[in-house]
Amino acid sequence: MSEQNLIIPNFKIELNNSKIETDTIKLSFEQISDIFKQQKNVLIQATLKPSNILPPDLKSLHPILANFKKTVYFEGNLGGTLDSISFNNLDFEYEQDLHLKGNLQLKNLQKTLSDIYVSANIERLKFSVYGLQDIIASAQKKPLMLPDELYNLGTCLYTGNIQGHFRNLQLHGLLHTNIANIKTDVKLAVFNKFNDAKITGSITSRNLHLKKLFPNSQFGDISFNISNDTEMGRSLPFSSKIVAKVSSLMFQDYVYQNLHFDGELKKRFFLGNIIFDDENGKLNAQGSFDWDKNEPKFKFMAEIVGFNPYKTNLTKSYPDLAFNFKANSDFTGGDLDNMNGFFEIFDINLKNAEKEYTLDKVRLSSDDIATNTHQMSVQSDIINGYITGSFIFKSLKNSILNLVKEYIP
């Protein structure tokens, strides 16, 4: 020890199942009293040797640590002051569940949490969905089962950067998974004493293997860019705006191109648009959903131009079939049996080789005209009529389809 330095060689802490060991701890200061009165002026330098901690040994610091039963291994270099500290060549491992390598710098540690500044370079963050599930379950102290599809991500590897104050963080990086590489660019802002948050940013991927994510589906690869603007919290009602640009999407071995989707979700209300411009069909649709607890509401408008179901692998018959139509709907109710409203398609044009068929309109309406009494009506160029009574609409499906087949080629 000197007037401006304090050196502690081979510092070691041993607990029941834990050991923290350093090569040398060096404290530098202008005067010895700084250690007790001006800690922010004290420079700390230390090399953490390979150490291990069983979290329950530190449960006195926070009760939640008692829930984590696996050993934490770590090593690295520590330098800075109590107000600004850096961890370089940090190597952190929670057995097989999580492995982190990188560099971390924290500033303003003696200020409020929202004022703390973090700069992290994540060289390698390796984890599996199973490991992540165990960590979350331990934190919640109750079993957790994530959706089965997530396990198809396999072992995940993330590299990137985190920068900003805790009240306004920016995350940039690349996530490598079994189904694709996904680029992330996200900003997280918190306010109102961390009770409210706003998340903005985008994720991008080329050739994400949907078939690996959903093995039983007919989907193939997808390439997309999705941007998001979400607000939530104690004093903020949930709202989210999403814009998705899909350059390609494979379904039933056909690649659709140039799809665009945008929508806004507020509480139980959603308003969105979808557009695609493909050589074998074009779609322009708008719709809204209102998940009212008592009476859900649905509105939808769409126009389809030049759609060829054979070339898009939706049918193995009629290779020259193409159709155009417009659709409109407005109804309330959670299912067919309590639905009130209408669905109509109009300006219908079907071409099959040299044959062509046009139809002005087909409109289906459903109303409750009395207690336990439904009325379903049909209006079109070829048939008009209605059915009134007490019945289940689902039972009418096959009858209606058989009737329509008589008139549509």
Protein backbone atom coordinates (compact mmCIF):
# COMPACT_ATOMS: atom_id res chain seq x y z
CA MET A 1 0.00 0.00 0.00
CA SER A 2 1.17 3.54 -0.81
CA GLU A 3 -0.29 7.02 -0.44
CA GLN A 4 -2.14 6.67 -3.76
CA ASN A 5 -2.49 2.92 -4.29
CA LEU A 6 -3.89 -0.08 -2.48
CA ILE A 7 -3.07 -3.50 -3.90
CA ILE A 8 -4.84 -6.67 -2.78
CA PRO A 9 -3.18 -9.78 -4.25
CA ASN A 10 -5.01 -13.06 -4.82
CA PHE A 11 -8.35 -11.94 -3.43
CA LYS A 12 -10.75 -14.83 -2.90
CA ILE A 13 -14.30 -15.28 -1.59
CA GLU A 14 -15.60 -18.76 -0.86
CA LEU A 15 -19.18 -19.63 0.04
CA ASN A 16 -20.96 -22.98 0.40
CA ASN A 17 -21.00 -23.76 -3.30
CA SER A 18 -19.34 -20.68 -4.80
CA LYS A 19 -15.89 -19.25 -5.32
CA ILE A 20 -14.96 -15.78 -6.59
CA GLU A 21 -11.26 -15.23 -7.21
CA THR A 22 -9.17 -12.37 -8.62
CA ASP A 23 -5.56 -12.16 -9.63
CA THR A 24 -4.97 -8.70 -8.13
CA ILE A 25 -7.25 -5.86 -7.07
CA LYS A 26 -5.70 -2.41 -7.39
CA LEU A 27 -7.31 0.74 -6.00
CA SER A 28 -5.87 4.11 -7.08
CA PHE A 29 -6.83 7.42 -5.43
CA GLU A 30 -5.55 10.89 -4.72
CA GLN A 31 -5.73 10.36 -0.97
CA ILE A 32 -6.68 7.45 1.25
CA SER A 33 -9.79 9.21 2.55
CA ASP A 34 -11.31 9.00 -0.97
CA ILE A 35 -12.09 5.34 -0.29
CA PHE A 36 -14.61 6.43 2.35
CA LYS A 37 -15.68 9.89 1.20
CA GLN A 38 -15.11 10.26 -2.57
CA GLN A 39 -15.61 6.76 -3.96
CA LYS A 40 -16.24 8.08 -7.47
CA ASN A 41 -12.60 9.24 -7.53
CA VAL A 42 -11.28 5.76 -6.70
CA LEU A 43 -10.02 3.81 -9.71
CA ILE A 44 -10.54 0.05 -9.53
CA GLN A 45 -8.62 -2.50 -11.60
CA ALA A 46 -9.01 -6.24 -11.26
CA THR A 47 -8.70 -9.47 -13.20
CA LEU A 48 -11.39 -11.99 -12.40
CA LYS A 49 -10.03 -15.51 -12.53
CA PRO A 50 -12.36 -18.32 -13.59
CA SER A 51 -14.97 -18.26 -10.84
CA ASN A 52 -18.29 -19.89 -10.12
CA ILE A 53 -21.40 -18.94 -8.18
CA LEU A 54 -24.41 -21.01 -7.25
CA PRO A 55 -27.12 -18.30 -7.13
CA PRO A 56 -28.81 -19.56 -3.92
CA ASP A 57 -25.58 -18.69 -2.08
CA LEU A 58 -26.41 -15.03 -2.78
CA LYS A 59 -30.13 -15.16 -1.97
CA SER A 60 -29.57 -12.66 0.85
CA LEU A 61 -28.94 -10.06 -1.89
CA HIS A 62 -32.27 -10.88 -3.57
CA PRO A 63 -34.75 -13.71 -2.83
CA ILE A 64 -35.20 -14.51 -6.54
CA LEU A 65 -31.65 -15.91 -6.70
CA ALA A 66 -32.81 -18.89 -4.64
CA ASN A 67 -34.82 -20.09 -7.66
CA PHE A 68 -31.80 -20.58 -9.93
CA LYS A 69 -30.28 -23.98 -9.22
CA LYS A 70 -27.56 -24.10 -11.88
CA THR A 71 -24.03 -22.79 -11.49
CA VAL A 72 -22.83 -19.54 -13.06
CA TYR A 73 -19.28 -19.51 -14.42
CA PHE A 74 -17.50 -16.26 -15.28
CA GLU A 75 -14.17 -14.50 -15.79
CA GLY A 76 -12.92 -11.21 -17.24
CA ASN A 77 -11.24 -7.88 -16.57
CA LEU A 78 -12.74 -5.13 -14.44
CA GLY A 79 -11.73 -1.48 -14.52
CA GLY A 80 -13.12 1.96 -13.68
CA THR A 81 -14.73 3.73 -10.77
CA LEU A 82 -17.88 3.20 -8.77
CA ASP A 83 -19.54 5.70 -11.11
CA SER A 84 -18.15 4.37 -14.41
CA ILE A 85 -17.00 0.80 -14.74
CA SER A 86 -16.00 -1.50 -17.60
CA PHE A 87 -16.00 -5.27 -17.97
CA ASN A 88 -13.70 -6.40 -20.75
CA ASN A 89 -13.27 -9.90 -22.16
CA LEU A 90 -16.27 -10.95 -20.09
CA ASP A 91 -17.09 -14.64 -20.31
CA PHE A 92 -20.36 -15.59 -18.57
CA GLU A 93 -22.00 -19.02 -18.64
CA TYR A 94 -25.14 -20.38 -16.96
CA GLU A 95 -24.27 -24.05 -17.46
CA GLN A 96 -25.76 -25.18 -20.81
CA ASP A 97 -28.62 -22.66 -20.84
CA LEU A 98 -26.77 -19.47 -21.76
CA HIS A 99 -23.26 -18.39 -22.75
CA LEU A 100 -22.22 -14.73 -23.14
CA LYS A 101 -18.92 -13.27 -24.31
CA GLY A 102 -18.33 -9.57 -24.81
CA ASN A 103 -17.49 -6.19 -23.35
CA LEU A 104 -19.67 -3.99 -21.15
CA GLN A 105 -19.37 -0.41 -19.93
CA LEU A 106 -21.67 1.24 -17.37
CA LYS A 107 -21.69 4.96 -16.58
CA ASN A 108 -23.56 7.20 -14.12
CA LEU A 109 -23.93 4.35 -11.63
CA GLN A 110 -24.40 6.76 -8.76
CA LYS A 111 -27.37 8.42 -10.45
CA THR A 112 -30.93 7.15 -10.88
CA LEU A 113 -31.57 3.93 -12.81
CA SER A 114 -32.94 5.78 -15.83
CA ASP A 115 -29.73 7.86 -16.06
CA ILE A 116 -27.37 4.87 -16.10
CA TYR A 117 -25.67 4.59 -19.48
CA VAL A 118 -24.79 1.20 -20.94
CA SER A 119 -22.58 0.31 -23.88
CA ALA A 120 -22.26 -3.38 -24.63
CA ASN A 121 -20.55 -5.24 -27.43
CA ILE A 122 -21.96 -8.76 -27.56
CA GLU A 123 -19.43 -10.93 -29.32
CA ARG A 124 -21.40 -14.10 -28.66
CA LEU A 125 -24.68 -14.80 -26.90
CA LYS A 126 -25.56 -18.46 -27.25
CA PHE A 127 -28.77 -19.98 -25.94
CA SER A 128 -31.42 -22.56 -26.72
CA VAL A 129 -35.18 -22.23 -26.42
CA TYR A 130 -35.14 -25.02 -23.82
CA GLY A 131 -32.54 -23.12 -21.79
CA LEU A 132 -34.46 -19.86 -22.13
CA GLN A 133 -37.61 -21.64 -20.99
CA ASP A 134 -35.82 -22.93 -17.87
CA ILE A 135 -34.46 -19.48 -17.02
CA ILE A 136 -37.90 -17.84 -17.32
CA ALA A 137 -39.51 -20.65 -15.32
CA SER A 138 -36.91 -20.21 -12.56
CA ALA A 139 -37.50 -16.46 -12.47
CA GLN A 140 -41.28 -16.97 -12.23
CA LYS A 141 -40.90 -19.94 -9.87
CA LYS A 142 -43.45 -21.94 -11.81
CA PRO A 143 -43.35 -24.31 -14.82
CA LEU A 144 -43.41 -22.79 -18.28
CA MET A 145 -44.05 -24.34 -21.69
CA LEU A 146 -43.29 -22.16 -24.69
CA PRO A 147 -45.11 -22.78 -28.01
CA ASP A 148 -43.88 -25.97 -29.67
CA GLU A 149 -42.90 -24.12 -32.85
CA LEU A 150 -40.22 -22.13 -31.00
CA TYR A 151 -38.22 -25.28 -30.28
CA ASN A 152 -37.59 -25.56 -34.01
CA LEU A 153 -35.34 -22.50 -33.73
CA GLY A 154 -32.65 -24.81 -32.35
CA THR A 155 -29.55 -23.33 -30.73
CA CYS A 156 -29.52 -19.54 -31.20
CA LEU A 157 -26.48 -17.29 -31.52
CA TYR A 158 -26.74 -13.50 -31.23
CA THR A 159 -24.07 -10.88 -31.95
CA GLY A 160 -24.61 -7.15 -31.70
CA ASN A 161 -24.54 -3.97 -29.68
CA ILE A 162 -26.63 -2.37 -26.95
CA GLN A 163 -26.19 1.33 -26.31
CA GLY A 164 -27.93 4.16 -24.50
CA HIS A 165 -29.40 5.13 -21.15
CA PHE A 166 -31.69 2.63 -19.48
CA ARG A 167 -34.55 4.99 -20.31
CA ASN A 168 -33.67 4.91 -24.02
CA LEU A 169 -31.79 1.86 -25.30
CA GLN A 170 -30.85 0.94 -28.86
CA LEU A 171 -30.21 -2.68 -29.87
CA HIS A 172 -28.57 -3.64 -33.15
CA GLY A 173 -27.53 -7.14 -34.01
CA LEU A 174 -27.86 -10.40 -35.89
CA LEU A 175 -29.62 -13.51 -34.59
CA HIS A 176 -28.54 -16.85 -36.07
CA THR A 177 -31.10 -19.66 -35.72
CA ASN A 178 -31.89 -23.03 -37.27
CA ILE A 179 -34.51 -21.41 -39.52
CA ALA A 180 -32.75 -18.19 -40.64
CA ASN A 181 -30.51 -15.26 -39.83
CA ILE A 182 -32.54 -12.33 -38.50
CA LYS A 183 -31.26 -8.77 -38.36
CA THR A 184 -32.59 -6.64 -35.50
CA ASP A 185 -32.67 -2.87 -35.13
CA VAL A 186 -34.75 -1.94 -32.09
CA LYS A 187 -35.17 1.06 -29.79
CA LEU A 188 -36.66 0.74 -26.31
CA ALA A 189 -37.78 3.84 -24.41
CA VAL A 190 -39.24 3.75 -20.90
CA PHE A 191 -40.74 6.59 -18.91
CA ASN A 192 -43.16 7.38 -16.09
CA LYS A 193 -40.88 5.66 -13.57
CA PHE A 194 -40.50 2.60 -15.84
CA ASN A 195 -44.26 2.01 -15.86
CA ASP A 196 -44.67 2.84 -19.56
CA ALA A 197 -42.65 1.81 -22.60
CA LYS A 198 -42.34 2.43 -26.32
CA ILE A 199 -40.70 -0.04 -28.69
CA THR A 200 -39.78 0.91 -32.25
CA GLY A 201 -37.59 -0.72 -34.82
CA SER A 202 -37.41 -3.40 -37.46
CA ILE A 203 -36.42 -7.00 -38.10
CA THR A 204 -35.22 -8.29 -41.46
CA SER A 205 -34.61 -11.77 -42.80
CA ARG A 206 -33.93 -13.43 -46.13
CA ASN A 207 -35.13 -16.95 -46.84
CA LEU A 208 -36.50 -17.73 -43.38
CA HIS A 209 -37.54 -21.39 -43.47
CA LEU A 210 -41.19 -21.38 -42.41
CA LYS A 211 -41.36 -25.09 -43.17
CA LYS A 212 -38.85 -25.75 -40.38
CA LEU A 213 -40.81 -23.52 -38.01
CA PHE A 214 -44.19 -25.04 -38.94
CA PRO A 215 -43.42 -28.55 -40.25
CA ASN A 216 -47.06 -29.47 -40.90
CA SER A 217 -47.81 -26.39 -43.00
CA GLN A 218 -47.57 -25.79 -46.76
CA PHE A 219 -45.28 -22.78 -46.32
CA GLY A 220 -41.72 -22.57 -47.61
CA ASP A 221 -39.22 -19.70 -47.38
CA ILE A 222 -40.07 -16.06 -46.73
CA SER A 223 -37.99 -12.89 -47.09
CA PHE A 224 -39.27 -9.83 -45.25
CA ASN A 225 -38.72 -6.55 -43.46
CA ILE A 226 -41.07 -5.77 -40.57
CA SER A 227 -41.15 -2.43 -38.79
CA ASN A 228 -43.03 -1.86 -35.57
CA ASP A 229 -44.08 1.00 -33.29
CA THR A 230 -45.62 -0.20 -30.03
CA GLU A 231 -46.70 1.58 -26.85
CA MET A 232 -47.79 -0.08 -23.62
CA GLY A 233 -47.81 0.44 -19.89
CA ARG A 234 -49.73 1.32 -16.78
CA SER A 235 -50.92 4.71 -18.04
CA LEU A 236 -50.70 3.96 -21.79
CA PRO A 237 -53.33 1.85 -23.53
CA PHE A 238 -51.71 -0.81 -25.69
CA SER A 239 -51.25 0.17 -29.33
CA SER A 240 -49.08 -1.22 -32.08
CA LYS A 241 -48.43 -0.20 -35.68
CA ILE A 242 -46.86 -2.76 -38.00
CA VAL A 243 -45.63 -2.45 -41.58
CA ALA A 244 -44.45 -5.65 -43.26
CA LYS A 245 -42.85 -5.81 -46.69
CA VAL A 246 -42.53 -9.35 -47.99
CA SER A 247 -40.39 -9.63 -51.12
CA SER A 248 -41.12 -13.35 -51.46
CA LEU A 249 -43.25 -16.02 -49.79
CA MET A 250 -43.51 -19.67 -50.81
CA PHE A 251 -46.82 -21.47 -50.32
CA GLN A 252 -47.56 -24.89 -51.81
CA ASP A 253 -44.32 -24.66 -53.82
CA TYR A 254 -45.29 -21.37 -55.45
CA VAL A 255 -43.39 -18.17 -54.69
CA TYR A 256 -45.60 -15.11 -54.23
CA GLN A 257 -43.81 -11.81 -54.68
CA ASN A 258 -44.27 -8.20 -53.61
CA LEU A 259 -46.60 -8.49 -50.62
CA HIS A 260 -47.28 -5.49 -48.38
CA PHE A 261 -49.10 -5.48 -45.07
CA ASP A 262 -49.75 -2.67 -42.62
CA GLY A 263 -51.99 -2.53 -39.61
CA GLU A 264 -52.73 -0.87 -36.31
CA LEU A 265 -53.92 -2.60 -33.17
CA LYS A 266 -55.44 -0.65 -30.28
CA LYS A 267 -56.84 -2.58 -27.36
CA ARG A 268 -59.42 -4.82 -29.06
CA PHE A 269 -59.57 -2.99 -32.39
CA PHE A 270 -57.50 -3.75 -35.49
CA LEU A 271 -57.40 -1.90 -38.82
CA GLY A 272 -55.20 -3.18 -41.62
CA ASN A 273 -54.42 -3.42 -45.33
CA ILE A 274 -52.82 -6.12 -47.44
CA ILE A 275 -51.58 -5.75 -51.01
CA PHE A 276 -49.75 -8.12 -53.28
CA ASP A 277 -48.73 -7.64 -56.88
CA ASP A 278 -47.79 -10.98 -58.41
CA GLU A 279 -47.64 -12.06 -62.04
CA ASN A 280 -50.40 -14.61 -61.37
CA GLY A 281 -52.69 -12.42 -59.32
CA LYS A 282 -53.14 -9.09 -57.60
CA LEU A 283 -54.88 -8.38 -54.30
CA ASN A 284 -55.87 -5.16 -52.59
CA ALA A 285 -57.76 -5.60 -49.33
CA GLN A 286 -58.71 -3.55 -46.28
CA GLY A 287 -60.37 -4.72 -43.13
CA SER A 288 -61.16 -3.97 -39.52
CA PHE A 289 -61.86 -6.17 -36.51
CA ASP A 290 -63.42 -5.03 -33.28
CA TRP A 291 -63.19 -7.72 -30.62
CA ASP A 292 -65.99 -6.34 -28.52
CA LYS A 293 -66.70 -8.73 -25.64
CA ASN A 294 -70.44 -8.65 -26.28
CA GLU A 295 -70.62 -8.24 -30.05
CA PRO A 296 -67.49 -8.60 -32.24
CA LYS A 297 -67.60 -6.53 -35.43
CA PHE A 298 -65.95 -7.25 -38.75
CA LYS A 299 -65.66 -5.20 -41.94
CA PHE A 300 -63.76 -6.22 -45.04
CA MET A 301 -63.29 -5.04 -48.64
CA ALA A 302 -61.11 -6.67 -51.28
CA GLU A 303 -60.38 -6.74 -55.00
CA ILE A 304 -58.68 -9.63 -56.78
CA VAL A 305 -57.44 -9.27 -60.36
CA GLY A 306 -56.14 -11.95 -62.70
CA PHE A 307 -55.72 -14.69 -60.12
CA ASN A 308 -54.75 -18.09 -61.56
CA PRO A 309 -55.23 -20.90 -59.00
CA TYR A 310 -53.53 -23.49 -61.23
CA LYS A 311 -50.27 -21.58 -61.70
CA THR A 312 -50.18 -20.82 -57.98
CA ASN A 313 -50.57 -24.56 -57.19
CA LEU A 314 -53.91 -24.18 -55.44
CA THR A 315 -55.58 -26.59 -57.85
CA LYS A 316 -54.46 -29.33 -60.23
CA SER A 317 -57.32 -28.69 -62.65
CA TYR A 318 -58.23 -25.88 -65.07
CA PRO A 319 -54.74 -24.61 -66.06
CA ASP A 320 -56.23 -21.64 -67.95
CA LEU A 321 -58.65 -20.55 -65.25
CA ALA A 322 -58.32 -16.96 -64.05
CA PHE A 323 -60.81 -14.82 -62.20
CA ASN A 324 -61.48 -11.29 -61.06
CA PHE A 325 -63.90 -10.13 -58.41
CA LYS A 326 -64.55 -7.65 -55.66
CA ALA A 327 -65.76 -8.51 -52.17
CA ASN A 328 -67.37 -6.59 -49.35
CA SER A 329 -68.62 -7.64 -45.92
CA ASP A 330 -69.98 -6.07 -42.77
CA PHE A 331 -71.24 -8.22 -39.93
CA THR A 332 -71.29 -8.70 -36.19
CA GLY A 333 -71.11 -11.86 -34.11
CA GLY A 334 -68.52 -14.39 -33.02
CA ASP A 335 -69.53 -17.23 -35.39
CA LEU A 336 -72.03 -18.15 -38.09
CA ASP A 337 -74.73 -19.07 -35.63
CA ASN A 338 -75.01 -15.57 -34.15
CA MET A 339 -73.84 -13.57 -37.16
CA ASN A 340 -75.78 -10.54 -38.33
CA GLY A 341 -74.73 -8.77 -41.50
CA PHE A 342 -73.77 -9.56 -45.08
CA PHE A 343 -71.04 -10.83 -47.35
CA GLU A 344 -71.07 -10.11 -51.06
CA ILE A 345 -68.88 -10.62 -54.09
CA PHE A 346 -69.53 -8.57 -57.23
CA ASP A 347 -68.09 -7.68 -60.64
CA ILE A 348 -67.27 -11.36 -61.00
CA ASN A 349 -65.42 -12.49 -64.12
CA LEU A 350 -64.12 -16.02 -64.72
CA LYS A 351 -62.14 -17.09 -67.79
CA ASN A 352 -61.28 -20.69 -68.59
CA ALA A 353 -59.59 -21.14 -71.96
CA GLU A 354 -62.11 -19.77 -74.47
CA LYS A 355 -64.99 -19.74 -72.02
CA GLU A 356 -65.92 -16.67 -70.04
CA TYR A 357 -68.51 -16.16 -67.34
CA THR A 358 -69.62 -12.94 -65.68
CA LEU A 359 -71.86 -12.31 -62.73
CA ASP A 360 -72.87 -8.96 -61.31
CA LYS A 361 -73.32 -9.92 -57.69
CA VAL A 362 -73.84 -12.64 -55.10
CA ARG A 363 -74.91 -11.42 -51.69
CA LEU A 364 -75.41 -13.52 -48.57
CA SER A 365 -77.17 -11.96 -45.60
CA SER A 366 -77.83 -13.28 -42.12
CA ASP A 367 -80.06 -11.77 -39.46
CA ASP A 368 -81.70 -12.68 -36.18
CA ILE A 369 -85.31 -11.74 -36.83
CA ALA A 370 -86.63 -13.13 -33.55
CA THR A 371 -85.49 -15.11 -30.54
CA ASN A 372 -83.89 -18.38 -31.75
CA THR A 373 -84.94 -17.57 -35.31
CA HIS A 374 -82.42 -16.89 -38.09
CA GLN A 375 -82.97 -15.70 -41.59
CA MET A 376 -80.42 -16.33 -44.29
CA SER A 377 -81.00 -14.72 -47.67
CA VAL A 378 -79.31 -14.97 -51.07
CA GLN A 379 -79.45 -12.31 -53.78
CA SER A 380 -77.80 -12.75 -57.17
CA ASP A 381 -78.31 -12.73 -60.93
CA ILE A 382 -79.13 -16.43 -60.91
CA ILE A 383 -80.97 -17.05 -57.68
CA ASN A 384 -82.84 -15.15 -54.99
CA GLY A 385 -84.32 -16.55 -51.83
CA TYR A 386 -84.15 -16.90 -48.11
CA ILE A 387 -84.31 -19.47 -45.34
CA THR A 388 -86.00 -18.73 -42.04
CA GLY A 389 -86.04 -20.95 -38.98
CA SER A 390 -84.07 -22.35 -36.10
CA PHE A 391 -80.99 -24.11 -37.51
CA ILE A 392 -77.22 -24.31 -37.43
CA PHE A 393 -75.60 -22.52 -40.36
CA LYS A 394 -72.70 -24.95 -40.55
CA SER A 395 -75.11 -27.67 -41.62
CA LEU A 396 -76.07 -25.63 -44.69
CA LYS A 397 -72.54 -25.49 -46.10
CA ASN A 398 -72.63 -28.59 -48.30
CA SER A 399 -76.10 -27.79 -49.65
CA ILE A 400 -75.06 -24.30 -50.74
CA LEU A 401 -71.83 -25.51 -52.36
CA ASN A 402 -73.67 -28.15 -54.36
CA LEU A 403 -76.10 -25.51 -55.59
CA VAL A 404 -73.36 -23.06 -56.64
CA LYS A 405 -71.46 -25.74 -58.58
CA GLU A 406 -74.37 -25.99 -60.98
CA TYR A 407 -73.77 -22.43 -62.21
CA ILE A 408 -70.04 -21.73 -61.88
CA PRO A 409 -67.69 -23.40 -64.39
